[in-house]
Amino acid sequence: MSPDAAEASRWRGAERLLGIVAALLLVALTLLTCIDVIGRYFLDRPLTGAFELTELAMGALVFSSLPLVSLHRQQVTVDLFEWLIPRAWRRVQNAIIDLSAAACVGVIAWQLWRRAVNMAAAGETTATLQIPVYPLVGYMALLAGVTVVLMLAMAWTDATGKAPR
């Protein structure tokens, strides 16, 4: 296997893993909601901590999906003025957009990391189930950091036409 093929295979493996994590979180959220609704409306016994678990799972789901959405360029875009930009400048435009997005997500990653450190130091937990929150916030920061790296690699590819090594 060539080095390029091995590297592509590793990226596909990471992509597959994040996809599986996101899918499992979505299934878990669906089951959690169904159990809570059945308990709440049919048995008069809501699932204790369902709201907290939903909040935690939503955070994990969004940030597990962020690198995948970015890698496949599936973000919401508005292309009102795209027709004004010459086709030859589209790569430059994409590189500038990737760099801008990387900067924004980089700030989010940095703030999430700071928040995780502060939460760990303070021993913050959820109100009902007493689940420590800092591991999730650290996970979110890590995946935001992965997204920044992907966006920088995409900017390089857009600017040069070559994949980074």
C-alpha atoms as a PDB file:
ATOM      1  CA  MET A   1       0.000   0.000   0.000  1.00  0.00           C
ATOM      2  CA  SER A   2       1.411   3.397  -0.962  1.00  0.00           C
ATOM      3  CA  PRO A   3       1.906   6.053   1.739  1.00  0.00           C
ATOM      4  CA  ASP A   4      -0.870   8.171   0.181  1.00  0.00           C
ATOM      5  CA  ALA A   5      -3.275   5.221   0.200  1.00  0.00           C
ATOM      6  CA  ALA A   6      -2.384   4.427   3.831  1.00  0.00           C
ATOM      7  CA  GLU A   7      -2.997   8.053   4.848  1.00  0.00           C
ATOM      8  CA  ALA A   8      -6.319   8.123   2.979  1.00  0.00           C
ATOM      9  CA  SER A   9      -7.295   4.895   4.704  1.00  0.00           C
ATOM     10  CA  ARG A  10      -6.546   6.400   8.143  1.00  0.00           C
ATOM     11  CA  TRP A  11      -8.696   9.444   7.339  1.00  0.00           C
ATOM     12  CA  ARG A  12     -11.522   7.188   6.159  1.00  0.00           C
ATOM     13  CA  GLY A  13     -11.217   5.226   9.397  1.00  0.00           C
ATOM     14  CA  ALA A  14     -11.447   8.395  11.496  1.00  0.00           C
ATOM     15  CA  GLU A  15     -14.346   9.596   9.364  1.00  0.00           C
ATOM     16  CA  ARG A  16     -16.125   6.263   9.810  1.00  0.00           C
ATOM     17  CA  LEU A  17     -15.550   6.311  13.584  1.00  0.00           C
ATOM     18  CA  LEU A  18     -16.990   9.829  13.944  1.00  0.00           C
ATOM     19  CA  GLY A  19     -19.939   8.819  11.765  1.00  0.00           C
ATOM     20  CA  ILE A  20     -20.620   5.801  13.968  1.00  0.00           C
ATOM     21  CA  VAL A  21     -20.355   7.906  17.141  1.00  0.00           C
ATOM     22  CA  ALA A  22     -22.777  10.491  15.701  1.00  0.00           C
ATOM     23  CA  ALA A  23     -25.203   7.776  14.582  1.00  0.00           C
ATOM     24  CA  LEU A  24     -25.108   6.053  17.981  1.00  0.00           C
ATOM     25  CA  LEU A  25     -25.710   9.361  19.746  1.00  0.00           C
ATOM     26  CA  LEU A  26     -28.688  10.036  17.494  1.00  0.00           C
ATOM     27  CA  VAL A  27     -30.136   6.577  18.220  1.00  0.00           C
ATOM     28  CA  ALA A  28     -29.536   7.091  21.954  1.00  0.00           C
ATOM     29  CA  LEU A  29     -31.295  10.475  21.833  1.00  0.00           C
ATOM     30  CA  THR A  30     -34.252   8.934  20.011  1.00  0.00           C
ATOM     31  CA  LEU A  31     -34.539   6.085  22.520  1.00  0.00           C
ATOM     32  CA  LEU A  32     -34.130   8.452  25.454  1.00  0.00           C
ATOM     33  CA  THR A  33     -36.895  10.692  24.148  1.00  0.00           C
ATOM     34  CA  CYS A  34     -39.227   7.743  23.470  1.00  0.00           C
ATOM     35  CA  ILE A  35     -38.681   6.289  26.937  1.00  0.00           C
ATOM     36  CA  ASP A  36     -39.203   9.688  28.564  1.00  0.00           C
ATOM     37  CA  VAL A  37     -42.398  10.398  26.588  1.00  0.00           C
ATOM     38  CA  ILE A  38     -43.844   6.944  27.304  1.00  0.00           C
ATOM     39  CA  GLY A  39     -42.958   7.268  30.977  1.00  0.00           C
ATOM     40  CA  ARG A  40     -44.260  10.818  31.241  1.00  0.00           C
ATOM     41  CA  TYR A  41     -47.560  10.507  29.378  1.00  0.00           C
ATOM     42  CA  PHE A  42     -48.554   6.860  29.747  1.00  0.00           C
ATOM     43  CA  LEU A  43     -47.070   5.786  33.083  1.00  0.00           C
ATOM     44  CA  ASP A  44     -46.998   9.164  34.849  1.00  0.00           C
ATOM     45  CA  ARG A  45     -43.300   8.560  35.615  1.00  0.00           C
ATOM     46  CA  PRO A  46     -40.889  10.665  33.530  1.00  0.00           C
ATOM     47  CA  LEU A  47     -37.329   9.428  33.165  1.00  0.00           C
ATOM     48  CA  THR A  48     -35.219  11.047  35.867  1.00  0.00           C
ATOM     49  CA  GLY A  49     -32.468  13.190  34.328  1.00  0.00           C
ATOM     50  CA  ALA A  50     -33.768  12.858  30.767  1.00  0.00           C
ATOM     51  CA  PHE A  51     -33.363  16.584  30.145  1.00  0.00           C
ATOM     52  CA  GLU A  52     -29.740  16.523  31.351  1.00  0.00           C
ATOM     53  CA  LEU A  53     -28.903  13.443  29.291  1.00  0.00           C
ATOM     54  CA  THR A  54     -30.484  15.041  26.222  1.00  0.00           C
ATOM     55  CA  GLU A  55     -28.411  18.197  26.702  1.00  0.00           C
ATOM     56  CA  LEU A  56     -25.187  16.203  27.058  1.00  0.00           C
ATOM     57  CA  ALA A  57     -25.940  13.973  24.082  1.00  0.00           C
ATOM     58  CA  MET A  58     -26.846  16.971  21.893  1.00  0.00           C
ATOM     59  CA  GLY A  59     -23.517  18.636  22.654  1.00  0.00           C
ATOM     60  CA  ALA A  60     -21.658  15.425  21.849  1.00  0.00           C
ATOM     61  CA  LEU A  61     -23.696  14.906  18.664  1.00  0.00           C
ATOM     62  CA  VAL A  62     -23.139  18.413  17.307  1.00  0.00           C
ATOM     63  CA  PHE A  63     -19.387  18.362  17.900  1.00  0.00           C
ATOM     64  CA  SER A  64     -18.991  14.764  16.687  1.00  0.00           C
ATOM     65  CA  SER A  65     -20.640  15.835  13.437  1.00  0.00           C
ATOM     66  CA  LEU A  66     -18.725  19.104  13.036  1.00  0.00           C
ATOM     67  CA  PRO A  67     -15.563  17.614  11.464  1.00  0.00           C
ATOM     68  CA  LEU A  68     -17.669  15.476   9.115  1.00  0.00           C
ATOM     69  CA  VAL A  69     -19.848  18.372   8.001  1.00  0.00           C
ATOM     70  CA  SER A  70     -16.756  20.517   7.431  1.00  0.00           C
ATOM     71  CA  LEU A  71     -14.829  17.813   5.571  1.00  0.00           C
ATOM     72  CA  HIS A  72     -17.703  17.278   3.153  1.00  0.00           C
ATOM     73  CA  ARG A  73     -18.438  21.022   2.896  1.00  0.00           C
ATOM     74  CA  GLN A  74     -22.022  20.498   4.008  1.00  0.00           C
ATOM     75  CA  GLN A  75     -22.273  23.711   6.014  1.00  0.00           C
ATOM     76  CA  VAL A  76     -25.118  26.068   5.309  1.00  0.00           C
ATOM     77  CA  THR A  77     -23.961  28.493   2.621  1.00  0.00           C
ATOM     78  CA  VAL A  78     -25.427  31.573   1.034  1.00  0.00           C
ATOM     79  CA  ASP A  79     -24.214  32.169  -2.495  1.00  0.00           C
ATOM     80  CA  LEU A  80     -26.027  35.358  -3.431  1.00  0.00           C
ATOM     81  CA  PHE A  81     -22.970  36.991  -4.972  1.00  0.00           C
ATOM     82  CA  GLU A  82     -21.094  33.949  -6.233  1.00  0.00           C
ATOM     83  CA  TRP A  83     -21.902  34.850  -9.830  1.00  0.00           C
ATOM     84  CA  LEU A  84     -19.881  38.083  -9.380  1.00  0.00           C
ATOM     85  CA  ILE A  85     -16.655  36.211  -8.619  1.00  0.00           C
ATOM     86  CA  PRO A  86     -14.730  34.984 -11.656  1.00  0.00           C
ATOM     87  CA  ARG A  87     -14.359  31.207 -11.822  1.00  0.00           C
ATOM     88  CA  ALA A  88     -10.563  31.573 -11.640  1.00  0.00           C
ATOM     89  CA  TRP A  89     -10.896  33.193  -8.195  1.00  0.00           C
ATOM     90  CA  ARG A  90     -13.158  30.498  -6.693  1.00  0.00           C
ATOM     91  CA  ARG A  91     -10.222  28.561  -5.218  1.00  0.00           C
ATOM     92  CA  VAL A  92      -8.951  31.717  -3.538  1.00  0.00           C
ATOM     93  CA  GLN A  93     -12.465  32.474  -2.296  1.00  0.00           C
ATOM     94  CA  ASN A  94     -12.782  28.967  -0.859  1.00  0.00           C
ATOM     95  CA  ALA A  95      -9.374  29.239   0.826  1.00  0.00           C
ATOM     96  CA  ILE A  96     -10.340  32.565   2.434  1.00  0.00           C
ATOM     97  CA  ILE A  97     -13.638  31.100   3.633  1.00  0.00           C
ATOM     98  CA  ASP A  98     -11.847  28.017   5.034  1.00  0.00           C
ATOM     99  CA  LEU A  99      -9.326  30.218   6.878  1.00  0.00           C
ATOM    100  CA  SER A 100     -12.096  32.431   8.279  1.00  0.00           C
ATOM    101  CA  ALA A 101     -14.081  29.407   9.424  1.00  0.00           C
ATOM    102  CA  ALA A 102     -10.938  27.855  10.959  1.00  0.00           C
ATOM    103  CA  ALA A 103     -10.335  31.066  12.924  1.00  0.00           C
ATOM    104  CA  CYS A 104     -13.924  31.119  14.213  1.00  0.00           C
ATOM    105  CA  VAL A 105     -13.931  27.444  15.182  1.00  0.00           C
ATOM    106  CA  GLY A 106     -10.461  27.912  16.705  1.00  0.00           C
ATOM    107  CA  VAL A 107     -11.859  30.554  19.064  1.00  0.00           C
ATOM    108  CA  ILE A 108     -14.725  28.211  19.949  1.00  0.00           C
ATOM    109  CA  ALA A 109     -12.262  25.352  20.640  1.00  0.00           C
ATOM    110  CA  TRP A 110     -10.092  27.586  22.810  1.00  0.00           C
ATOM    111  CA  GLN A 111     -13.074  28.868  24.820  1.00  0.00           C
ATOM    112  CA  LEU A 112     -14.465  25.348  25.242  1.00  0.00           C
ATOM    113  CA  TRP A 113     -11.082  24.125  26.492  1.00  0.00           C
ATOM    114  CA  ARG A 114     -10.871  26.992  29.000  1.00  0.00           C
ATOM    115  CA  ARG A 115     -14.398  26.195  30.143  1.00  0.00           C
ATOM    116  CA  ALA A 116     -13.579  22.477  30.555  1.00  0.00           C
ATOM    117  CA  VAL A 117     -10.538  23.303  32.688  1.00  0.00           C
ATOM    118  CA  ASN A 118     -12.576  25.675  34.863  1.00  0.00           C
ATOM    119  CA  MET A 119     -15.393  23.130  35.211  1.00  0.00           C
ATOM    120  CA  ALA A 120     -12.947  20.412  36.243  1.00  0.00           C
ATOM    121  CA  ALA A 121     -11.354  22.699  38.832  1.00  0.00           C
ATOM    122  CA  ALA A 122     -14.760  23.662  40.237  1.00  0.00           C
ATOM    123  CA  GLY A 123     -16.089  20.089  40.147  1.00  0.00           C
ATOM    124  CA  GLU A 124     -19.188  21.123  38.178  1.00  0.00           C
ATOM    125  CA  THR A 125     -21.780  18.421  37.612  1.00  0.00           C
ATOM    126  CA  THR A 126     -25.292  18.217  36.242  1.00  0.00           C
ATOM    127  CA  ALA A 127     -27.995  19.139  38.740  1.00  0.00           C
ATOM    128  CA  THR A 128     -29.986  15.908  38.959  1.00  0.00           C
ATOM    129  CA  LEU A 129     -27.696  13.036  37.993  1.00  0.00           C
ATOM    130  CA  GLN A 130     -24.479  14.664  39.259  1.00  0.00           C
ATOM    131  CA  ILE A 131     -22.591  13.773  36.047  1.00  0.00           C
ATOM    132  CA  PRO A 132     -19.294  15.679  35.675  1.00  0.00           C
ATOM    133  CA  VAL A 133     -19.607  17.962  32.656  1.00  0.00           C
ATOM    134  CA  TYR A 134     -15.944  18.779  31.946  1.00  0.00           C
ATOM    135  CA  PRO A 135     -15.201  15.538  30.016  1.00  0.00           C
ATOM    136  CA  LEU A 136     -17.931  16.383  27.513  1.00  0.00           C
ATOM    137  CA  VAL A 137     -16.778  19.990  27.171  1.00  0.00           C
ATOM    138  CA  GLY A 138     -13.195  18.751  26.693  1.00  0.00           C
ATOM    139  CA  TYR A 139     -14.438  16.320  24.013  1.00  0.00           C
ATOM    140  CA  MET A 140     -16.228  19.191  22.300  1.00  0.00           C
ATOM    141  CA  ALA A 141     -13.039  21.293  22.421  1.00  0.00           C
ATOM    142  CA  LEU A 142     -10.995  18.415  20.996  1.00  0.00           C
ATOM    143  CA  LEU A 143     -13.363  17.880  18.077  1.00  0.00           C
ATOM    144  CA  ALA A 144     -13.509  21.617  17.404  1.00  0.00           C
ATOM    145  CA  GLY A 145      -9.685  21.496  17.271  1.00  0.00           C
ATOM    146  CA  VAL A 146      -9.833  18.588  14.817  1.00  0.00           C
ATOM    147  CA  THR A 147     -12.222  20.654  12.717  1.00  0.00           C
ATOM    148  CA  VAL A 148      -9.758  23.564  12.719  1.00  0.00           C
ATOM    149  CA  VAL A 149      -6.990  21.275  11.451  1.00  0.00           C
ATOM    150  CA  LEU A 150      -9.292  19.949   8.710  1.00  0.00           C
ATOM    151  CA  MET A 151     -10.288  23.459   7.670  1.00  0.00           C
ATOM    152  CA  LEU A 152      -6.654  24.564   7.505  1.00  0.00           C
ATOM    153  CA  ALA A 153      -5.845  21.527   5.353  1.00  0.00           C
ATOM    154  CA  MET A 154      -8.814  22.347   3.125  1.00  0.00           C
ATOM    155  CA  ALA A 155      -7.630  25.969   2.833  1.00  0.00           C
ATOM    156  CA  TRP A 156      -4.186  24.732   1.795  1.00  0.00           C
ATOM    157  CA  THR A 157      -5.710  22.424  -0.796  1.00  0.00           C
ATOM    158  CA  ASP A 158      -7.947  25.205  -2.104  1.00  0.00           C
ATOM    159  CA  ALA A 159      -5.087  27.701  -2.315  1.00  0.00           C
ATOM    160  CA  THR A 160      -2.492  25.397  -3.886  1.00  0.00           C
ATOM    161  CA  GLY A 161      -4.506  22.677  -5.571  1.00  0.00           C
ATOM    162  CA  LYS A 162      -2.398  20.101  -3.662  1.00  0.00           C
ATOM    163  CA  ALA A 163      -3.238  18.120  -0.571  1.00  0.00           C
ATOM    164  CA  PRO A 164      -1.010  18.893   2.462  1.00  0.00           C
ATOM    165  CA  ARG A 165       1.599  16.314   3.459  1.00  0.00           C
END
